[in-house]
Amino acid sequence: MFFLLLAVLVHGASCNLIPNQYITEWGISSRLTQPSCVDIPENLTLCHGIGYTQMRLPNLLDHDTMAEVSQQSSSWVPLFNLKCHSDTQLFLCSLFSPVCLDRPIYPCRSLCEAVKNGCESRMRAYGFPWPDMVRCDKFPVDNDMCISVQANTNSGGHHKQILKLHRCIKVINPPLLSEYEMEFFFT
């Protein structure tokens, strides 16, 4: 497990962080519960130790309680365990336990499509179709602010994870407590 320390600076009042079509698609505007930050519990096995310790509730799947998040996310652990795509956990945790910022950040459509392309045939082999709740056309295209496919490089035995967030966000990456680094950048 590693700790990830991030300082986030969201800038530009003209930035459209969540396009209206996604607000409507996901039903965010109808929520009565105000978002809050909660610790990711150890029993949330899919996302505990993902690289940040607090998540936003309600999450991006409109789960309002940790009990609901834990129950619903547990059914996705077998998909993660199939190791059908290296970004499966990133994609699922961006929905079930989104990083706690002042506004939600959705996975990019390209991230969804990459995970779907890697995992859908394996799911079908077990009799499961790709679920409508994670239909890729629900997610923003990569030129909106979103989490895109993660790239891994290996140079000199040092593993570096790069989590791409498109547009309107600048994150300062302080020294970390392990061999891992996560950089956010905007394009």
Protein backbone atom coordinates (compact mmCIF):
# COMPACT_ATOMS: atom_id res chain seq x y z
CA MET A 1 0.00 0.00 0.00
CA PHE A 2 1.25 3.46 -0.70
CA PHE A 3 0.11 6.91 0.25
CA LEU A 4 -0.50 9.45 -2.43
CA LEU A 5 -0.32 13.09 -1.54
CA LEU A 6 -1.85 15.42 -4.07
CA ALA A 7 -2.49 19.12 -4.06
CA VAL A 8 -5.15 20.11 -6.55
CA LEU A 9 -5.69 23.46 -8.15
CA VAL A 10 -8.74 23.71 -10.36
CA HIS A 11 -8.64 26.92 -12.33
CA GLY A 12 -10.64 28.84 -14.89
CA ALA A 13 -14.21 29.86 -14.22
CA SER A 14 -15.03 29.17 -17.86
CA CYS A 15 -14.05 25.51 -17.57
CA ASN A 16 -16.98 23.22 -18.09
CA LEU A 17 -16.01 20.46 -15.67
CA ILE A 18 -19.16 18.40 -16.12
CA PRO A 19 -21.01 18.96 -19.37
CA ASN A 20 -24.78 19.20 -18.90
CA GLN A 21 -25.42 16.05 -20.94
CA TYR A 22 -23.53 13.99 -18.33
CA ILE A 23 -25.32 15.64 -15.44
CA THR A 24 -28.62 14.66 -17.04
CA GLU A 25 -27.41 11.17 -17.99
CA TRP A 26 -26.20 10.39 -14.47
CA GLY A 27 -28.98 12.22 -12.60
CA ILE A 28 -26.63 14.32 -10.49
CA SER A 29 -28.84 17.39 -10.49
CA SER A 30 -31.69 15.51 -8.81
CA ARG A 31 -29.65 14.43 -5.78
CA LEU A 32 -30.78 15.59 -2.40
CA THR A 33 -27.69 14.36 -0.58
CA GLN A 34 -24.83 16.84 -0.51
CA PRO A 35 -21.49 15.32 -1.53
CA SER A 36 -19.07 14.51 1.26
CA CYS A 37 -15.62 12.98 1.62
CA VAL A 38 -15.38 9.66 3.43
CA ASP A 39 -12.48 7.31 4.07
CA ILE A 40 -12.28 4.31 1.75
CA PRO A 41 -12.78 1.41 4.18
CA GLU A 42 -10.57 -1.70 4.16
CA ASN A 43 -13.59 -3.88 3.39
CA LEU A 44 -14.05 -2.06 0.06
CA THR A 45 -11.61 -4.54 -1.45
CA LEU A 46 -12.02 -3.35 -5.03
CA CYS A 47 -10.74 0.16 -4.26
CA HIS A 48 -8.98 0.14 -0.88
CA GLY A 49 -5.33 1.05 -1.46
CA ILE A 50 -5.98 2.48 -4.95
CA GLY A 51 -3.73 5.47 -4.27
CA TYR A 52 -5.99 7.88 -2.39
CA THR A 53 -7.68 7.42 0.95
CA GLN A 54 -10.91 9.40 0.64
CA MET A 55 -13.77 9.08 -1.80
CA ARG A 56 -16.77 11.17 -2.73
CA LEU A 57 -20.27 10.15 -1.63
CA PRO A 58 -22.68 9.96 -3.32
CA ASN A 59 -20.44 8.26 -5.84
CA LEU A 60 -20.78 8.44 -9.62
CA LEU A 61 -23.21 5.51 -9.63
CA ASP A 62 -25.51 7.41 -7.25
CA HIS A 63 -24.77 5.22 -4.22
CA ASP A 64 -25.42 7.25 -1.07
CA THR A 65 -24.05 4.96 1.65
CA MET A 66 -20.86 2.96 2.18
CA ALA A 67 -23.00 -0.14 2.72
CA GLU A 68 -24.47 0.30 -0.75
CA VAL A 69 -21.04 1.00 -2.30
CA SER A 70 -19.52 -2.09 -0.64
CA GLN A 71 -22.39 -4.35 -1.63
CA GLN A 72 -22.52 -3.16 -5.24
CA SER A 73 -18.75 -3.03 -5.80
CA SER A 74 -18.22 -6.55 -4.45
CA SER A 75 -19.94 -7.98 -7.52
CA TRP A 76 -17.22 -6.37 -9.69
CA VAL A 77 -14.24 -7.90 -7.84
CA PRO A 78 -14.33 -11.05 -10.03
CA LEU A 79 -14.01 -8.89 -13.16
CA PHE A 80 -10.98 -7.17 -11.66
CA ASN A 81 -9.52 -10.57 -10.72
CA LEU A 82 -9.79 -11.74 -14.35
CA LYS A 83 -7.04 -9.21 -15.15
CA CYS A 84 -8.65 -8.67 -18.54
CA HIS A 85 -7.35 -5.09 -18.76
CA SER A 86 -4.73 -3.26 -16.72
CA ASP A 87 -7.08 -0.30 -16.15
CA THR A 88 -10.08 -2.28 -14.88
CA GLN A 89 -9.56 -1.21 -11.27
CA LEU A 90 -8.95 2.41 -12.25
CA PHE A 91 -12.16 2.47 -14.30
CA LEU A 92 -14.32 0.78 -11.66
CA CYS A 93 -12.93 2.79 -8.74
CA SER A 94 -13.44 6.05 -10.62
CA LEU A 95 -17.14 5.17 -10.44
CA PHE A 96 -17.50 3.35 -7.10
CA SER A 97 -15.00 5.40 -5.07
CA PRO A 98 -14.23 8.58 -6.99
CA VAL A 99 -11.41 10.71 -5.64
CA CYS A 100 -12.80 13.36 -3.32
CA LEU A 101 -12.63 16.70 -5.10
CA ASP A 102 -15.08 19.58 -5.12
CA ARG A 103 -16.58 18.25 -8.38
CA PRO A 104 -16.87 14.71 -9.71
CA ILE A 105 -14.41 13.57 -12.36
CA TYR A 106 -15.75 10.86 -14.64
CA PRO A 107 -13.75 8.26 -16.52
CA CYS A 108 -13.18 9.20 -20.16
CA ARG A 109 -15.07 7.31 -22.82
CA SER A 110 -11.73 5.97 -24.09
CA LEU A 111 -10.99 4.43 -20.67
CA CYS A 112 -14.40 2.74 -20.62
CA GLU A 113 -13.95 1.49 -24.19
CA ALA A 114 -10.46 0.14 -23.48
CA VAL A 115 -11.67 -1.80 -20.43
CA LYS A 116 -14.78 -2.97 -22.28
CA ASN A 117 -12.69 -4.14 -25.26
CA GLY A 118 -10.41 -6.08 -22.92
CA CYS A 119 -13.09 -7.56 -20.68
CA GLU A 120 -16.37 -7.91 -22.58
CA SER A 121 -15.51 -11.22 -24.26
CA ARG A 122 -14.42 -12.69 -20.91
CA MET A 123 -17.68 -11.52 -19.32
CA ARG A 124 -19.72 -13.03 -22.16
CA ALA A 125 -17.88 -16.34 -21.70
CA TYR A 126 -19.37 -16.40 -18.19
CA GLY A 127 -22.81 -15.40 -19.49
CA PHE A 128 -22.69 -11.70 -18.59
CA PRO A 129 -23.17 -8.86 -21.09
CA TRP A 130 -21.44 -5.50 -20.66
CA PRO A 131 -23.77 -3.73 -18.18
CA ASP A 132 -25.87 -0.78 -19.29
CA MET A 133 -24.91 1.07 -16.09
CA VAL A 134 -21.38 1.45 -17.50
CA ARG A 135 -22.33 2.04 -21.12
CA CYS A 136 -19.34 3.86 -22.61
CA ASP A 137 -21.34 6.50 -24.47
CA LYS A 138 -22.41 7.87 -21.06
CA PHE A 139 -18.87 9.09 -20.41
CA PRO A 140 -17.21 12.29 -21.64
CA VAL A 141 -14.89 12.26 -24.62
CA ASP A 142 -11.22 12.74 -23.91
CA ASN A 143 -11.21 16.47 -24.61
CA ASP A 144 -13.46 17.02 -21.58
CA MET A 145 -12.11 16.78 -18.05
CA CYS A 146 -12.00 13.07 -17.33
CA ILE A 147 -9.76 10.17 -16.34
CA SER A 148 -8.23 8.55 -19.40
CA VAL A 149 -6.34 5.34 -20.04
CA GLN A 150 -3.41 4.94 -17.68
CA ALA A 151 0.03 4.47 -19.22
CA ASN A 152 2.70 2.42 -17.53
CA THR A 153 6.39 2.79 -18.19
CA ASN A 154 9.23 0.87 -16.71
CA SER A 155 12.63 2.54 -16.76
CA GLY A 156 15.49 1.46 -14.56
CA GLY A 157 13.25 -0.70 -12.39
CA HIS A 158 11.14 2.32 -11.47
CA HIS A 159 7.43 1.96 -12.11
CA LYS A 160 5.56 5.13 -12.90
CA GLN A 161 1.80 5.44 -13.09
CA ILE A 162 0.37 8.30 -15.08
CA LEU A 163 -3.26 9.20 -14.59
CA LYS A 164 -4.37 11.60 -17.29
CA LEU A 165 -6.99 14.19 -16.52
CA HIS A 166 -7.97 16.30 -19.46
CA ARG A 167 -8.57 20.04 -19.21
CA CYS A 168 -8.94 22.53 -16.37
CA ILE A 169 -6.93 20.87 -13.65
CA LYS A 170 -3.38 21.24 -12.49
CA VAL A 171 -2.05 18.96 -9.80
CA ILE A 172 1.21 19.49 -8.01
CA ASN A 173 2.91 16.16 -7.36
CA PRO A 174 4.92 16.28 -4.11
CA PRO A 175 7.50 13.59 -3.23
CA LEU A 176 5.80 10.30 -2.48
CA LEU A 177 6.46 7.71 0.18
CA SER A 178 7.04 4.79 -2.21
CA GLU A 179 8.35 3.95 -5.66
CA TYR A 180 5.06 5.04 -7.18
CA GLU A 181 4.29 8.42 -8.62
CA MET A 182 1.06 9.65 -10.03
CA GLU A 183 1.02 12.72 -12.18
CA PHE A 184 -2.00 14.62 -13.31
CA PHE A 185 -1.79 16.84 -16.29
CA PHE A 186 -4.09 18.60 -18.65
CA THR A 187 -3.94 18.68 -22.42
